[in-house]
């Protein structure tokens, strides 16, 4: 499994003991001296690489999750929950059995512990949850967002590119439609304005039956569509 390594390595200072001037001189001599054993050269290079990796990993442990990041969630006790999830503008992700969980501005370790606590009532004991970064938030380049985030029980969760005429139903269609486990009567449209967040609830089944025209409502860049997981007997 390929995961993205987070953050930038810390700036190397002499006190870090990653590669001192003396160490650099030794490595240089290894390259320049023909009589040196090649095995010794490779051992030295591997040691330097491992030390640099440890510094980078330490930076990754301190990384704070941001909206737009893609995370990998893995539950050791139930692999059916394993999936890639997109962090919405509100800092929340959608996970089966628990719905949405806030992970924004938390570390990967903290996010794993939050998910473990949220999932605990569904297991004999709190499950082991691993959270890693699959992809960093993409830079927008200062342009106006034309993306609608679709999370939860859809076939292609993530974000979809929209234009000014894209409707609610079209946005769901671009996300592959809802799954068989979707609580289609409780879909939410979350929109952030200057006055805060507004949540609109709509019944997808009524829209499909022609009993509501809310499906023709236009979506805006930055909107979040949340499709919850259906409850037992719902």
Protein backbone atom coordinates (compact mmCIF):
# COMPACT_ATOMS: atom_id res chain seq x y z
CA UNK A 1 0.00 0.00 0.00
CA UNK A 2 1.39 3.37 -1.01
CA UNK A 3 0.87 6.24 1.38
CA UNK A 4 2.02 9.81 1.07
CA UNK A 5 4.70 10.89 3.51
CA UNK A 6 3.66 14.08 5.23
CA UNK A 7 5.37 17.32 5.87
CA UNK A 8 8.85 18.59 5.12
CA UNK A 9 11.92 17.21 6.82
CA UNK A 10 13.08 19.42 9.63
CA UNK A 11 15.96 21.73 8.82
CA UNK A 12 19.19 19.93 9.57
CA UNK A 13 21.45 21.60 12.12
CA UNK A 14 24.79 20.38 13.52
CA UNK A 15 23.03 19.60 16.81
CA UNK A 16 20.68 17.18 15.01
CA UNK A 17 23.55 14.72 14.51
CA UNK A 18 21.99 13.60 11.21
CA UNK A 19 25.20 14.07 9.25
CA UNK A 20 27.99 16.03 10.88
CA UNK A 21 30.78 17.70 8.87
CA UNK A 22 33.02 14.83 9.90
CA UNK A 23 30.44 12.35 8.68
CA UNK A 24 30.15 14.17 5.37
CA UNK A 25 33.94 14.07 4.99
CA UNK A 26 33.95 10.32 5.64
CA UNK A 27 31.23 9.71 3.04
CA UNK A 28 33.20 11.81 0.55
CA UNK A 29 36.32 9.80 1.24
CA UNK A 30 34.34 6.60 0.67
CA UNK A 31 33.46 7.80 -2.80
CA UNK A 32 36.96 8.98 -3.61
CA UNK A 33 39.00 6.07 -2.26
CA UNK A 34 39.16 3.16 -4.66
CA UNK A 35 40.49 0.78 -2.03
CA UNK A 36 37.41 1.06 0.21
CA UNK A 37 35.17 -1.95 0.42
CA UNK A 38 31.96 -1.33 -1.57
CA UNK A 39 29.90 -2.96 1.16
CA UNK A 40 31.05 -0.32 3.62
CA UNK A 41 29.96 2.41 1.21
CA UNK A 42 26.45 0.99 0.88
CA UNK A 43 26.10 0.54 4.64
CA UNK A 44 27.05 4.18 5.20
CA UNK A 45 24.62 5.42 2.56
CA UNK A 46 21.77 3.32 3.96
CA UNK A 47 22.45 4.62 7.46
CA UNK A 48 22.27 8.25 6.30
CA UNK A 49 19.05 7.57 4.37
CA UNK A 50 17.44 5.89 7.40
CA UNK A 51 18.29 8.83 9.66
CA UNK A 52 16.76 11.29 7.18
CA UNK A 53 13.64 9.12 6.98
CA UNK A 54 13.27 9.14 10.77
CA UNK A 55 13.32 12.95 10.81
CA UNK A 56 10.65 13.08 8.07
CA UNK A 57 8.49 10.54 9.91
CA UNK A 58 8.68 12.68 13.05
CA UNK A 59 7.35 15.64 11.03
CA UNK A 60 4.52 13.43 9.69
CA UNK A 61 3.42 12.58 13.22
CA UNK A 62 2.84 16.30 13.89
CA UNK A 63 0.91 16.98 10.67
CA UNK A 64 -2.53 18.52 11.20
CA UNK A 65 -5.33 17.26 8.95
CA UNK A 66 -6.84 19.92 6.67
CA UNK A 67 -10.05 20.13 4.62
CA UNK A 68 -9.41 18.69 1.17
CA UNK A 69 -6.98 16.01 2.39
CA UNK A 70 -7.71 12.41 1.43
CA UNK A 71 -7.23 9.95 4.29
CA UNK A 72 -6.98 6.18 4.39
CA UNK A 73 -8.99 4.62 7.22
CA UNK A 74 -8.29 1.02 8.17
CA UNK A 75 -10.03 -0.93 10.94
CA UNK A 76 -8.09 -4.07 11.80
CA UNK A 77 -11.14 -5.85 13.21
CA UNK A 78 -13.41 -5.20 10.19
CA UNK A 79 -11.86 -4.67 6.78
CA UNK A 80 -15.25 -3.85 5.22
CA UNK A 81 -14.93 -0.40 6.81
CA UNK A 82 -11.55 0.25 5.19
CA UNK A 83 -11.70 3.07 2.63
CA UNK A 84 -10.31 6.36 1.38
CA UNK A 85 -12.23 9.34 2.72
CA UNK A 86 -12.15 13.01 1.81
CA UNK A 87 -12.01 15.62 4.56
CA UNK A 88 -14.84 18.05 3.90
CA UNK A 89 -14.64 21.85 4.26
CA UNK A 90 -16.07 21.46 7.78
CA UNK A 91 -13.22 19.12 8.76
CA UNK A 92 -15.44 16.05 8.94
CA UNK A 93 -15.22 12.62 7.30
CA UNK A 94 -17.91 10.01 6.76
CA UNK A 95 -17.38 6.48 8.06
CA UNK A 96 -19.80 3.51 8.05
CA UNK A 97 -21.57 2.69 11.35
CA UNK A 98 -20.86 6.12 12.89
CA UNK A 99 -21.71 8.69 10.21
CA UNK A 100 -19.58 11.82 10.20
CA UNK A 101 -16.66 12.42 12.56
CA UNK A 102 -14.69 15.64 13.01
CA UNK A 103 -10.95 15.17 12.37
CA UNK A 104 -9.97 18.60 11.06
CA UNK A 105 -6.88 20.17 12.66
CA UNK A 106 -6.06 16.92 14.48
CA UNK A 107 -3.05 14.65 13.96
CA UNK A 108 -3.38 11.30 12.23
CA UNK A 109 -2.95 9.55 15.58
CA UNK A 110 -5.68 11.66 17.20
CA UNK A 111 -8.00 10.98 14.26
CA UNK A 112 -7.48 7.23 14.69
CA UNK A 113 -8.31 7.46 18.39
CA UNK A 114 -11.46 9.49 17.70
CA UNK A 115 -12.66 6.96 15.17
CA UNK A 116 -11.87 4.10 17.53
CA UNK A 117 -13.99 5.71 20.26
CA UNK A 118 -16.83 6.41 17.83
CA UNK A 119 -16.80 2.82 16.53
CA UNK A 120 -16.43 1.19 19.96
CA UNK A 121 -20.18 0.62 20.58
CA UNK A 122 -20.24 -1.61 17.47
CA UNK A 123 -17.49 -3.93 18.73
CA UNK A 124 -16.81 -6.05 21.80
CA UNK A 125 -14.01 -3.60 22.61
CA UNK A 126 -12.65 -0.45 21.00
CA UNK A 127 -11.23 -1.43 17.59
CA UNK A 128 -7.75 -0.65 16.32
CA UNK A 129 -8.05 2.13 13.74
CA UNK A 130 -5.17 3.28 11.57
CA UNK A 131 -5.40 6.61 9.75
CA UNK A 132 -2.86 7.64 7.13
CA UNK A 133 -2.66 10.37 4.53
CA UNK A 134 -3.44 9.21 1.01
CA UNK A 135 -3.23 12.63 -0.66
CA UNK A 136 -2.60 16.18 0.45
CA UNK A 137 -5.05 18.93 -0.29
CA UNK A 138 -4.55 20.21 -3.80
CA UNK A 139 -3.59 23.85 -4.15
CA UNK A 140 -6.41 25.91 -5.63
CA UNK A 141 -4.14 28.57 -7.08
CA UNK A 142 -6.43 31.27 -5.71
CA UNK A 143 -9.30 30.43 -8.07
CA UNK A 144 -12.96 30.29 -7.04
CA UNK A 145 -13.92 26.79 -5.92
CA UNK A 146 -16.12 24.90 -8.39
CA UNK A 147 -16.01 21.67 -6.45
CA UNK A 148 -18.83 20.00 -4.55
CA UNK A 149 -17.78 17.46 -1.94
CA UNK A 150 -19.84 14.28 -1.79
CA UNK A 151 -19.23 12.02 1.21
CA UNK A 152 -20.87 8.99 2.74
CA UNK A 153 -22.82 6.28 0.96
CA UNK A 154 -22.15 7.12 -2.67
CA UNK A 155 -20.28 4.98 -5.17
CA UNK A 156 -17.55 7.53 -5.86
CA UNK A 157 -17.04 9.67 -2.73
CA UNK A 158 -14.78 12.65 -3.07
CA UNK A 159 -15.40 15.84 -4.97
CA UNK A 160 -16.99 16.59 -8.32
CA UNK A 161 -16.38 19.57 -10.58
CA UNK A 162 -19.51 21.59 -11.21
CA UNK A 163 -20.60 24.69 -13.07
CA UNK A 164 -23.22 27.29 -12.30
CA UNK A 165 -26.02 25.16 -13.77
CA UNK A 166 -25.25 21.84 -12.02
CA UNK A 167 -28.21 20.60 -9.99
CA UNK A 168 -28.37 18.56 -6.82
CA UNK A 169 -29.35 15.41 -8.69
CA UNK A 170 -26.61 15.91 -11.24
CA UNK A 171 -23.99 16.27 -8.50
CA UNK A 172 -25.14 12.97 -6.97
CA UNK A 173 -25.02 11.35 -10.40
CA UNK A 174 -21.43 12.57 -10.91
CA UNK A 175 -20.58 10.86 -7.61
CA UNK A 176 -21.88 7.56 -9.00
CA UNK A 177 -25.25 7.66 -7.27
CA UNK A 178 -26.11 6.38 -3.80
CA UNK A 179 -25.25 2.89 -2.57
CA UNK A 180 -27.65 0.23 -1.30
CA UNK A 181 -26.72 1.23 2.25
CA UNK A 182 -27.66 4.90 1.86
CA UNK A 183 -30.22 6.55 4.11
CA UNK A 184 -31.76 8.16 1.04
CA UNK A 185 -34.48 9.92 3.04
CA UNK A 186 -31.94 11.84 5.13
CA UNK A 187 -29.47 13.29 2.62
CA UNK A 188 -27.99 16.62 3.64
CA UNK A 189 -26.69 19.59 1.69
CA UNK A 190 -24.32 21.64 3.83
CA UNK A 191 -23.48 25.15 2.68
CA UNK A 192 -21.16 27.63 4.36
CA UNK A 193 -22.04 31.31 4.03
CA UNK A 194 -20.98 34.48 5.82
CA UNK A 195 -23.57 33.70 8.48
CA UNK A 196 -22.14 30.24 9.17
CA UNK A 197 -23.19 26.78 8.01
CA UNK A 198 -26.69 26.03 6.79
CA UNK A 199 -27.90 22.43 6.56
CA UNK A 200 -30.65 21.47 4.11
CA UNK A 201 -32.27 18.05 4.42
CA UNK A 202 -34.00 16.34 1.54
CA UNK A 203 -35.66 13.04 0.75
CA UNK A 204 -34.02 11.49 -2.30
CA UNK A 205 -36.82 8.93 -2.72
CA UNK A 206 -39.45 11.70 -2.98
CA UNK A 207 -37.32 13.39 -5.62
CA UNK A 208 -37.08 10.20 -7.68
CA UNK A 209 -40.85 9.66 -7.31
CA UNK A 210 -41.52 13.15 -8.69
CA UNK A 211 -43.02 14.30 -5.40
CA UNK A 212 -40.41 17.00 -4.81
CA UNK A 213 -38.51 19.35 -7.12
CA UNK A 214 -35.64 19.99 -4.71
CA UNK A 215 -33.44 17.90 -6.98
CA UNK A 216 -33.39 20.75 -9.51
CA UNK A 217 -31.82 23.13 -6.98
CA UNK A 218 -28.44 24.46 -8.08
CA UNK A 219 -25.33 23.51 -6.11
CA UNK A 220 -22.51 25.93 -5.42
CA UNK A 221 -18.77 25.45 -5.22
CA UNK A 222 -17.82 24.40 -1.71
CA UNK A 223 -21.15 22.69 -0.98
CA UNK A 224 -20.98 19.37 0.86
CA UNK A 225 -23.44 16.56 0.16
CA UNK A 226 -23.65 14.06 3.02
CA UNK A 227 -25.31 10.70 2.37
CA UNK A 228 -25.63 8.94 5.76
CA UNK A 229 -25.55 5.19 6.29
CA UNK A 230 -28.94 3.57 6.69
CA UNK A 231 -29.79 2.51 10.25
CA UNK A 232 -30.91 -1.00 11.11
CA UNK A 233 -34.51 -1.57 9.91
CA UNK A 234 -34.60 1.89 8.30
